[in-house]
Amino acid sequence: MTKSAWGIWGFVLLSACLFNSTAALSQALRPVRGVYDLKLNQDRDSGSIDTASGRLVVELVEDCGGFILNQGFITRITSGETSEIIGNMQASVWESRDGRAMRFNVVNKINSAVAEREQGRGDVHQGGADAGSGLGVWQLPTTRELALPKGTLFPISYNRAVLRAALAGRRSFETTLFDGSNAAGFYYASVFIGDKFGPKRAKRGKLLANDLPSWPVRLAYFHHDSQIGTPEFEVGFTLYGDGVVDELMLDYPDFSLIGRLVELQYLDQPNCD
């Protein structure tokens, strides 16, 4: 089973599952914490996997220099090939307000043993011939540098771009995403946005406001070195006008998880006067 079967590595899931609770028109970020219950999608062939469940906790915290996205992602998977496997990924990323700098730290455990650690930063060049391109730097698991193509977005900037596109009525766009994944380097992301639902749409959870528009969204992620033309994984969800996400569909190579929002808490903003 591939690494992506245990979790969307780096911050891609975090980027997709809680869109910074952005105010629909002003796009002013508001700190928020969301909790999602996950279960196996029975409508898709799961191969040798018998059961899968989990919980995702995503938190956006604002500081005076930028924003911090924290993620806890726990999964329990059983199959006929192995006993129960418990995956636990804890990830954190800080991104500057202007989207030109980020720092990331990821610890991935399987059955309580540390399987991987990733730590590093990303920077976007501000001037000269390289303006708009960037550099990804890892201190862990090994020292490494990777040039990032012009137009590369970091997670929070990527979130904003998706929500802006939905609000503007755009149906699709493509971009490059750097989330700190050492294995992927960076992803080519394809974003597809469906027709807007009205505020009276059915299935609205009790945690969500009743007067907000919403959109079905599908994200596909491609390894930048891939030659096969198929995504490494895909994420589907309903995006609400305040930026909160529900009705998740996490499509991995080996199986699929569905998730629903079970807790939502808005957090205090910092006093930066």
C-alpha atoms as a PDB file:
ATOM      1  CA  MET A   1       0.000   0.000   0.000  1.00  0.00           C
ATOM      2  CA  THR A   2       1.385   3.401  -0.931  1.00  0.00           C
ATOM      3  CA  LYS A   3       2.176   6.164   1.498  1.00  0.00           C
ATOM      4  CA  SER A   4      -0.786   8.162   0.239  1.00  0.00           C
ATOM      5  CA  ALA A   5      -3.050   5.367   1.450  1.00  0.00           C
ATOM      6  CA  TRP A   6      -2.346   6.357   5.059  1.00  0.00           C
ATOM      7  CA  GLY A   7      -3.081  10.012   4.664  1.00  0.00           C
ATOM      8  CA  ILE A   8      -2.763  12.853   2.218  1.00  0.00           C
ATOM      9  CA  TRP A   9       0.851  13.608   2.865  1.00  0.00           C
ATOM     10  CA  GLY A  10       1.985  17.090   3.819  1.00  0.00           C
ATOM     11  CA  PHE A  11      -0.777  19.647   3.950  1.00  0.00           C
ATOM     12  CA  VAL A  12      -2.874  18.813   0.929  1.00  0.00           C
ATOM     13  CA  LEU A  13      -5.696  17.351   2.987  1.00  0.00           C
ATOM     14  CA  LEU A  14      -5.458  20.212   5.398  1.00  0.00           C
ATOM     15  CA  SER A  15      -5.659  22.604   2.476  1.00  0.00           C
ATOM     16  CA  ALA A  16      -8.743  20.910   1.146  1.00  0.00           C
ATOM     17  CA  CYS A  17     -10.695  20.199   4.287  1.00  0.00           C
ATOM     18  CA  LEU A  18     -10.950  23.554   5.993  1.00  0.00           C
ATOM     19  CA  PHE A  19     -10.784  26.570   3.752  1.00  0.00           C
ATOM     20  CA  ASN A  20      -9.714  29.053   6.406  1.00  0.00           C
ATOM     21  CA  SER A  21     -13.344  29.922   7.191  1.00  0.00           C
ATOM     22  CA  THR A  22     -13.081  32.901   4.873  1.00  0.00           C
ATOM     23  CA  ALA A  23     -15.774  35.563   4.911  1.00  0.00           C
ATOM     24  CA  ALA A  24     -17.647  35.185   1.649  1.00  0.00           C
ATOM     25  CA  LEU A  25     -17.145  38.654   0.241  1.00  0.00           C
ATOM     26  CA  SER A  26     -14.228  40.189   2.122  1.00  0.00           C
ATOM     27  CA  GLN A  27     -12.148  36.999   2.217  1.00  0.00           C
ATOM     28  CA  ALA A  28     -10.842  38.137   5.616  1.00  0.00           C
ATOM     29  CA  LEU A  29      -9.476  35.104   7.409  1.00  0.00           C
ATOM     30  CA  ARG A  30     -11.075  34.064  10.670  1.00  0.00           C
ATOM     31  CA  PRO A  31      -9.449  31.530  13.024  1.00  0.00           C
ATOM     32  CA  VAL A  32     -11.423  28.296  13.207  1.00  0.00           C
ATOM     33  CA  ARG A  33     -11.235  24.661  14.338  1.00  0.00           C
ATOM     34  CA  GLY A  34     -13.118  21.859  12.583  1.00  0.00           C
ATOM     35  CA  VAL A  35     -13.472  18.156  13.369  1.00  0.00           C
ATOM     36  CA  TYR A  36     -14.449  15.530  10.771  1.00  0.00           C
ATOM     37  CA  ASP A  37     -15.453  11.905  11.292  1.00  0.00           C
ATOM     38  CA  LEU A  38     -14.237   9.599   8.516  1.00  0.00           C
ATOM     39  CA  LYS A  39     -15.435   6.190   7.349  1.00  0.00           C
ATOM     40  CA  LEU A  40     -14.844   3.829   4.449  1.00  0.00           C
ATOM     41  CA  ASN A  41     -16.714   4.666   1.261  1.00  0.00           C
ATOM     42  CA  GLN A  42     -18.745   1.528   0.598  1.00  0.00           C
ATOM     43  CA  ASP A  43     -19.648   2.680  -2.917  1.00  0.00           C
ATOM     44  CA  ARG A  44     -16.118   2.095  -4.192  1.00  0.00           C
ATOM     45  CA  ASP A  45     -14.065  -1.088  -4.453  1.00  0.00           C
ATOM     46  CA  SER A  46     -11.657  -1.148  -1.510  1.00  0.00           C
ATOM     47  CA  GLY A  47      -9.642  -4.182  -2.566  1.00  0.00           C
ATOM     48  CA  SER A  48      -8.251  -6.056   0.419  1.00  0.00           C
ATOM     49  CA  ILE A  49      -9.284  -3.386   2.924  1.00  0.00           C
ATOM     50  CA  ASP A  50     -12.075  -4.572   5.203  1.00  0.00           C
ATOM     51  CA  THR A  51     -12.641  -1.536   7.414  1.00  0.00           C
ATOM     52  CA  ALA A  52     -11.360   2.015   7.591  1.00  0.00           C
ATOM     53  CA  SER A  53     -12.309   4.876   9.874  1.00  0.00           C
ATOM     54  CA  GLY A  54     -10.728   7.928  11.355  1.00  0.00           C
ATOM     55  CA  ARG A  55     -10.906  11.472  12.582  1.00  0.00           C
ATOM     56  CA  LEU A  56      -9.489  14.651  11.130  1.00  0.00           C
ATOM     57  CA  VAL A  57      -8.959  17.784  13.215  1.00  0.00           C
ATOM     58  CA  VAL A  58      -7.987  20.947  11.348  1.00  0.00           C
ATOM     59  CA  GLU A  59      -7.258  24.271  13.008  1.00  0.00           C
ATOM     60  CA  LEU A  60      -6.416  27.684  11.607  1.00  0.00           C
ATOM     61  CA  VAL A  61      -4.678  29.983  14.097  1.00  0.00           C
ATOM     62  CA  GLU A  62      -3.762  33.553  13.269  1.00  0.00           C
ATOM     63  CA  ASP A  63      -0.672  35.337  14.553  1.00  0.00           C
ATOM     64  CA  CYS A  64       0.489  38.857  13.810  1.00  0.00           C
ATOM     65  CA  GLY A  65       2.869  37.737  11.084  1.00  0.00           C
ATOM     66  CA  GLY A  66       0.735  35.183   9.307  1.00  0.00           C
ATOM     67  CA  PHE A  67      -1.397  32.071   9.761  1.00  0.00           C
ATOM     68  CA  ILE A  68      -0.784  28.642  11.267  1.00  0.00           C
ATOM     69  CA  LEU A  69      -2.607  25.556  10.010  1.00  0.00           C
ATOM     70  CA  ASN A  70      -2.521  22.567  12.364  1.00  0.00           C
ATOM     71  CA  GLN A  71      -3.772  19.111  11.433  1.00  0.00           C
ATOM     72  CA  GLY A  72      -4.270  15.885  13.315  1.00  0.00           C
ATOM     73  CA  PHE A  73      -5.278  12.927  11.136  1.00  0.00           C
ATOM     74  CA  ILE A  74      -5.846   9.498  12.686  1.00  0.00           C
ATOM     75  CA  THR A  75      -6.933   6.431  10.692  1.00  0.00           C
ATOM     76  CA  ARG A  76      -7.651   2.806  11.632  1.00  0.00           C
ATOM     77  CA  ILE A  77      -7.455   0.296   8.799  1.00  0.00           C
ATOM     78  CA  THR A  78      -7.928  -3.468   8.785  1.00  0.00           C
ATOM     79  CA  SER A  79      -7.543  -5.897   5.915  1.00  0.00           C
ATOM     80  CA  GLY A  80      -7.254  -9.588   5.251  1.00  0.00           C
ATOM     81  CA  GLU A  81      -3.514  -9.146   4.724  1.00  0.00           C
ATOM     82  CA  THR A  82      -2.605  -7.472   8.020  1.00  0.00           C
ATOM     83  CA  SER A  83      -3.900  -6.786  11.491  1.00  0.00           C
ATOM     84  CA  GLU A  84      -5.232  -3.335  12.379  1.00  0.00           C
ATOM     85  CA  ILE A  85      -2.957  -0.488  11.345  1.00  0.00           C
ATOM     86  CA  ILE A  86      -3.287   2.856  13.098  1.00  0.00           C
ATOM     87  CA  GLY A  87      -1.939   5.879  11.271  1.00  0.00           C
ATOM     88  CA  ASN A  88      -1.390   9.174  13.075  1.00  0.00           C
ATOM     89  CA  MET A  89      -0.179  12.234  11.196  1.00  0.00           C
ATOM     90  CA  GLN A  90       0.414  15.533  12.997  1.00  0.00           C
ATOM     91  CA  ALA A  91       1.232  18.447  10.727  1.00  0.00           C
ATOM     92  CA  SER A  92       1.699  22.173  11.089  1.00  0.00           C
ATOM     93  CA  VAL A  93       2.415  24.912   8.567  1.00  0.00           C
ATOM     94  CA  TRP A  94       2.977  28.620   9.048  1.00  0.00           C
ATOM     95  CA  GLU A  95       2.464  30.931   6.077  1.00  0.00           C
ATOM     96  CA  SER A  96       3.146  34.654   5.886  1.00  0.00           C
ATOM     97  CA  ARG A  97       0.276  37.002   5.153  1.00  0.00           C
ATOM     98  CA  ASP A  98       1.640  37.838   1.720  1.00  0.00           C
ATOM     99  CA  GLY A  99       1.997  34.150   0.802  1.00  0.00           C
ATOM    100  CA  ARG A 100       5.709  34.450   0.049  1.00  0.00           C
ATOM    101  CA  ALA A 101       7.066  32.329   2.897  1.00  0.00           C
ATOM    102  CA  MET A 102       6.065  29.160   4.722  1.00  0.00           C
ATOM    103  CA  ARG A 103       7.463  26.745   7.283  1.00  0.00           C
ATOM    104  CA  PHE A 104       6.273  23.176   7.779  1.00  0.00           C
ATOM    105  CA  ASN A 105       6.670  20.316  10.236  1.00  0.00           C
ATOM    106  CA  VAL A 106       5.146  16.838   9.792  1.00  0.00           C
ATOM    107  CA  VAL A 107       5.359  13.719  11.968  1.00  0.00           C
ATOM    108  CA  ASN A 108       3.775  10.541  10.609  1.00  0.00           C
ATOM    109  CA  LYS A 109       3.364   7.512  12.903  1.00  0.00           C
ATOM    110  CA  ILE A 110       2.182   3.996  12.124  1.00  0.00           C
ATOM    111  CA  ASN A 111       1.158   1.903  15.141  1.00  0.00           C
ATOM    112  CA  SER A 112       2.794   4.490  17.445  1.00  0.00           C
ATOM    113  CA  ALA A 113       6.205   4.198  15.752  1.00  0.00           C
ATOM    114  CA  VAL A 114       7.525   7.230  13.900  1.00  0.00           C
ATOM    115  CA  ALA A 115       7.558   6.369  10.203  1.00  0.00           C
ATOM    116  CA  GLU A 116       8.494   9.745   8.744  1.00  0.00           C
ATOM    117  CA  ARG A 117       9.414  13.270   9.763  1.00  0.00           C
ATOM    118  CA  GLU A 118       9.503  16.232   7.444  1.00  0.00           C
ATOM    119  CA  GLN A 119      10.614  19.730   8.326  1.00  0.00           C
ATOM    120  CA  GLY A 120      11.553  22.686   6.185  1.00  0.00           C
ATOM    121  CA  ARG A 121      10.422  25.866   4.508  1.00  0.00           C
ATOM    122  CA  GLY A 122       9.353  27.401   1.218  1.00  0.00           C
ATOM    123  CA  ASP A 123      10.090  30.855  -0.169  1.00  0.00           C
ATOM    124  CA  VAL A 124       8.913  32.797  -3.214  1.00  0.00           C
ATOM    125  CA  HIS A 125      11.400  35.168  -4.838  1.00  0.00           C
ATOM    126  CA  GLN A 126      10.194  38.770  -4.836  1.00  0.00           C
ATOM    127  CA  GLY A 127      12.349  40.474  -7.458  1.00  0.00           C
ATOM    128  CA  GLY A 128      14.701  40.095 -10.367  1.00  0.00           C
ATOM    129  CA  ALA A 129      14.592  37.517 -13.119  1.00  0.00           C
ATOM    130  CA  ASP A 130      13.386  34.836 -10.674  1.00  0.00           C
ATOM    131  CA  ALA A 131      10.425  36.851  -9.357  1.00  0.00           C
ATOM    132  CA  GLY A 132       7.445  34.581  -8.729  1.00  0.00           C
ATOM    133  CA  SER A 133       9.443  31.356  -8.707  1.00  0.00           C
ATOM    134  CA  GLY A 134      10.566  29.835  -5.438  1.00  0.00           C
ATOM    135  CA  LEU A 135      12.629  27.384  -3.445  1.00  0.00           C
ATOM    136  CA  GLY A 136      11.626  24.481  -1.212  1.00  0.00           C
ATOM    137  CA  VAL A 137      14.129  23.531   1.497  1.00  0.00           C
ATOM    138  CA  TRP A 138      14.062  20.468   3.775  1.00  0.00           C
ATOM    139  CA  GLN A 139      16.038  19.909   6.977  1.00  0.00           C
ATOM    140  CA  LEU A 140      14.304  16.554   7.527  1.00  0.00           C
ATOM    141  CA  PRO A 141      14.278  13.703   6.556  1.00  0.00           C
ATOM    142  CA  THR A 142      17.434  14.789   4.730  1.00  0.00           C
ATOM    143  CA  THR A 143      18.849  18.122   3.627  1.00  0.00           C
ATOM    144  CA  ARG A 144      17.415  18.972   0.227  1.00  0.00           C
ATOM    145  CA  GLU A 145      16.557  21.928  -1.997  1.00  0.00           C
ATOM    146  CA  LEU A 146      14.083  22.034  -4.877  1.00  0.00           C
ATOM    147  CA  ALA A 147      13.362  24.852  -7.323  1.00  0.00           C
ATOM    148  CA  LEU A 148       9.655  25.746  -7.450  1.00  0.00           C
ATOM    149  CA  PRO A 149       8.156  26.947 -10.737  1.00  0.00           C
ATOM    150  CA  LYS A 150       6.810  30.436 -11.185  1.00  0.00           C
ATOM    151  CA  GLY A 151       3.309  30.806  -9.803  1.00  0.00           C
ATOM    152  CA  THR A 152       3.663  28.103  -7.124  1.00  0.00           C
ATOM    153  CA  LEU A 153       1.214  28.582  -4.261  1.00  0.00           C
ATOM    154  CA  PHE A 154       1.573  27.614  -0.617  1.00  0.00           C
ATOM    155  CA  PRO A 155      -1.400  26.027   1.219  1.00  0.00           C
ATOM    156  CA  ILE A 156      -3.224  29.101   2.510  1.00  0.00           C
ATOM    157  CA  SER A 157      -2.746  31.022  -0.728  1.00  0.00           C
ATOM    158  CA  TYR A 158      -4.046  27.953  -2.566  1.00  0.00           C
ATOM    159  CA  ASN A 159      -7.128  27.893  -0.335  1.00  0.00           C
ATOM    160  CA  ARG A 160      -7.810  31.522  -1.060  1.00  0.00           C
ATOM    161  CA  ALA A 161      -7.454  30.943  -4.794  1.00  0.00           C
ATOM    162  CA  VAL A 162     -10.069  28.167  -4.758  1.00  0.00           C
ATOM    163  CA  LEU A 163     -12.577  30.204  -2.776  1.00  0.00           C
ATOM    164  CA  ARG A 164     -11.997  33.300  -4.914  1.00  0.00           C
ATOM    165  CA  ALA A 165     -12.610  31.200  -8.019  1.00  0.00           C
ATOM    166  CA  ALA A 166     -15.895  29.860  -6.625  1.00  0.00           C
ATOM    167  CA  LEU A 167     -17.109  33.319  -5.632  1.00  0.00           C
ATOM    168  CA  ALA A 168     -16.197  34.665  -9.083  1.00  0.00           C
ATOM    169  CA  GLY A 169     -18.130  31.916 -10.861  1.00  0.00           C
ATOM    170  CA  ARG A 170     -15.091  30.228 -12.381  1.00  0.00           C
ATOM    171  CA  ARG A 171     -15.488  26.554 -13.233  1.00  0.00           C
ATOM    172  CA  SER A 172     -11.875  25.363 -13.212  1.00  0.00           C
ATOM    173  CA  PHE A 173      -8.232  26.325 -13.020  1.00  0.00           C
ATOM    174  CA  GLU A 174      -4.826  24.715 -12.594  1.00  0.00           C
ATOM    175  CA  THR A 175      -1.911  25.707 -10.399  1.00  0.00           C
ATOM    176  CA  THR A 176       1.225  24.405  -8.727  1.00  0.00           C
ATOM    177  CA  LEU A 177       1.058  23.619  -4.997  1.00  0.00           C
ATOM    178  CA  PHE A 178       3.978  23.247  -2.595  1.00  0.00           C
ATOM    179  CA  ASP A 179       2.919  21.733   0.727  1.00  0.00           C
ATOM    180  CA  GLY A 180       6.222  20.392   2.067  1.00  0.00           C
ATOM    181  CA  SER A 181       5.907  16.834   0.789  1.00  0.00           C
ATOM    182  CA  ASN A 182       9.447  15.531   0.364  1.00  0.00           C
ATOM    183  CA  ALA A 183       8.261  12.590  -1.741  1.00  0.00           C
ATOM    184  CA  ALA A 184       6.201  14.685  -4.152  1.00  0.00           C
ATOM    185  CA  GLY A 185       8.321  17.825  -4.189  1.00  0.00           C
ATOM    186  CA  PHE A 186       5.349  19.785  -5.448  1.00  0.00           C
ATOM    187  CA  TYR A 187       2.018  18.963  -7.049  1.00  0.00           C
ATOM    188  CA  TYR A 188       0.174  20.105 -10.122  1.00  0.00           C
ATOM    189  CA  ALA A 189      -3.357  20.744  -8.865  1.00  0.00           C
ATOM    190  CA  SER A 190      -6.493  20.787 -11.024  1.00  0.00           C
ATOM    191  CA  VAL A 191      -9.536  22.466  -9.484  1.00  0.00           C
ATOM    192  CA  PHE A 192     -13.096  21.846 -10.723  1.00  0.00           C
ATOM    193  CA  ILE A 193     -16.040  23.842  -9.341  1.00  0.00           C
ATOM    194  CA  GLY A 194     -19.645  22.891 -10.036  1.00  0.00           C
ATOM    195  CA  ASP A 195     -22.805  24.983 -10.229  1.00  0.00           C
ATOM    196  CA  LYS A 196     -23.567  27.005  -7.126  1.00  0.00           C
ATOM    197  CA  PHE A 197     -26.241  25.612  -4.819  1.00  0.00           C
ATOM    198  CA  GLY A 198     -28.740  28.028  -3.318  1.00  0.00           C
ATOM    199  CA  PRO A 199     -28.965  28.745   0.429  1.00  0.00           C
ATOM    200  CA  LYS A 200     -31.894  26.318   0.775  1.00  0.00           C
ATOM    201  CA  ARG A 201     -29.886  23.316  -0.433  1.00  0.00           C
ATOM    202  CA  ALA A 202     -30.738  20.047   1.326  1.00  0.00           C
ATOM    203  CA  LYS A 203     -28.287  18.121   3.528  1.00  0.00           C
ATOM    204  CA  ARG A 204     -26.989  21.271   5.194  1.00  0.00           C
ATOM    205  CA  GLY A 205     -25.538  20.309   8.559  1.00  0.00           C
ATOM    206  CA  LYS A 206     -26.749  21.975  11.736  1.00  0.00           C
ATOM    207  CA  LEU A 207     -23.265  23.417  12.286  1.00  0.00           C
ATOM    208  CA  LEU A 208     -23.446  25.484   9.097  1.00  0.00           C
ATOM    209  CA  ALA A 209     -25.277  28.750   8.460  1.00  0.00           C
ATOM    210  CA  ASN A 210     -28.548  28.422   6.540  1.00  0.00           C
ATOM    211  CA  ASP A 211     -28.145  31.516   4.361  1.00  0.00           C
ATOM    212  CA  LEU A 212     -24.900  30.652   2.587  1.00  0.00           C
ATOM    213  CA  PRO A 213     -24.361  29.559  -1.005  1.00  0.00           C
ATOM    214  CA  SER A 214     -22.274  26.455  -1.606  1.00  0.00           C
ATOM    215  CA  TRP A 215     -20.434  24.718  -4.433  1.00  0.00           C
ATOM    216  CA  PRO A 216     -19.414  21.141  -5.221  1.00  0.00           C
ATOM    217  CA  VAL A 217     -15.628  21.108  -5.646  1.00  0.00           C
ATOM    218  CA  ARG A 218     -13.243  18.447  -6.915  1.00  0.00           C
ATOM    219  CA  LEU A 219      -9.453  18.690  -6.561  1.00  0.00           C
ATOM    220  CA  ALA A 220      -7.022  16.414  -8.400  1.00  0.00           C
ATOM    221  CA  TYR A 221      -3.321  16.243  -7.493  1.00  0.00           C
ATOM    222  CA  PHE A 222      -0.589  15.110  -9.869  1.00  0.00           C
ATOM    223  CA  HIS A 223       3.033  14.395  -8.961  1.00  0.00           C
ATOM    224  CA  HIS A 224       5.151  16.903 -10.869  1.00  0.00           C
ATOM    225  CA  ASP A 225       7.296  14.106 -12.339  1.00  0.00           C
ATOM    226  CA  SER A 226       4.368  11.868 -13.280  1.00  0.00           C
ATOM    227  CA  GLN A 227       4.177  10.651 -16.872  1.00  0.00           C
ATOM    228  CA  ILE A 228       0.980   8.610 -16.545  1.00  0.00           C
ATOM    229  CA  GLY A 229      -1.558  11.432 -16.656  1.00  0.00           C
ATOM    230  CA  THR A 230      -3.670  10.185 -13.748  1.00  0.00           C
ATOM    231  CA  PRO A 231      -3.832  11.909 -10.347  1.00  0.00           C
ATOM    232  CA  GLU A 232      -2.112  10.513  -7.266  1.00  0.00           C
ATOM    233  CA  PHE A 233      -5.257  11.267  -5.300  1.00  0.00           C
ATOM    234  CA  GLU A 234      -8.412  13.361  -5.474  1.00  0.00           C
ATOM    235  CA  VAL A 235     -10.524  15.230  -2.959  1.00  0.00           C
ATOM    236  CA  GLY A 236     -14.185  16.171  -3.301  1.00  0.00           C
ATOM    237  CA  PHE A 237     -16.307  18.280  -0.970  1.00  0.00           C
ATOM    238  CA  THR A 238     -18.983  20.926  -0.636  1.00  0.00           C
ATOM    239  CA  LEU A 239     -17.505  24.389  -0.120  1.00  0.00           C
ATOM    240  CA  TYR A 240     -19.674  26.905   1.735  1.00  0.00           C
ATOM    241  CA  GLY A 241     -19.626  30.663   1.289  1.00  0.00           C
ATOM    242  CA  ASP A 242     -17.852  31.283   4.592  1.00  0.00           C
ATOM    243  CA  GLY A 243     -15.083  28.893   3.557  1.00  0.00           C
ATOM    244  CA  VAL A 244     -16.085  25.894   5.675  1.00  0.00           C
ATOM    245  CA  VAL A 245     -16.050  22.482   3.973  1.00  0.00           C
ATOM    246  CA  ASP A 246     -18.340  19.475   4.513  1.00  0.00           C
ATOM    247  CA  GLU A 247     -19.333  16.241   2.726  1.00  0.00           C
ATOM    248  CA  LEU A 248     -15.761  15.123   2.115  1.00  0.00           C
ATOM    249  CA  MET A 249     -14.700  12.465  -0.359  1.00  0.00           C
ATOM    250  CA  LEU A 250     -11.039  11.425  -0.060  1.00  0.00           C
ATOM    251  CA  ASP A 251     -10.073   9.201  -2.983  1.00  0.00           C
ATOM    252  CA  TYR A 252      -6.807   7.305  -2.502  1.00  0.00           C
ATOM    253  CA  PRO A 253      -5.284   4.792  -4.907  1.00  0.00           C
ATOM    254  CA  ASP A 254      -6.403   1.839  -2.744  1.00  0.00           C
ATOM    255  CA  PHE A 255      -9.670   3.009  -1.209  1.00  0.00           C
ATOM    256  CA  SER A 256     -11.884   5.992  -0.497  1.00  0.00           C
ATOM    257  CA  LEU A 257     -12.993   7.733   2.700  1.00  0.00           C
ATOM    258  CA  ILE A 258     -16.022   9.922   3.233  1.00  0.00           C
ATOM    259  CA  GLY A 259     -16.191  12.493   6.001  1.00  0.00           C
ATOM    260  CA  ARG A 260     -18.661  14.797   7.673  1.00  0.00           C
ATOM    261  CA  LEU A 261     -18.199  17.844   9.848  1.00  0.00           C
ATOM    262  CA  VAL A 262     -19.084  17.038  13.478  1.00  0.00           C
ATOM    263  CA  GLU A 263     -17.587  19.999  15.368  1.00  0.00           C
ATOM    264  CA  LEU A 264     -16.977  23.609  14.370  1.00  0.00           C
ATOM    265  CA  GLN A 265     -15.517  26.294  16.620  1.00  0.00           C
ATOM    266  CA  TYR A 266     -14.524  29.836  15.696  1.00  0.00           C
ATOM    267  CA  LEU A 267     -11.438  31.042  17.545  1.00  0.00           C
ATOM    268  CA  ASP A 268     -10.303  34.429  18.828  1.00  0.00           C
ATOM    269  CA  GLN A 269      -8.228  36.663  16.614  1.00  0.00           C
ATOM    270  CA  PRO A 270      -4.946  38.068  17.962  1.00  0.00           C
ATOM    271  CA  ASN A 271      -4.551  41.651  19.117  1.00  0.00           C
ATOM    272  CA  CYS A 272      -1.749  42.971  16.928  1.00  0.00           C
ATOM    273  CA  ASP A 273      -2.036  46.676  17.813  1.00  0.00           C
END
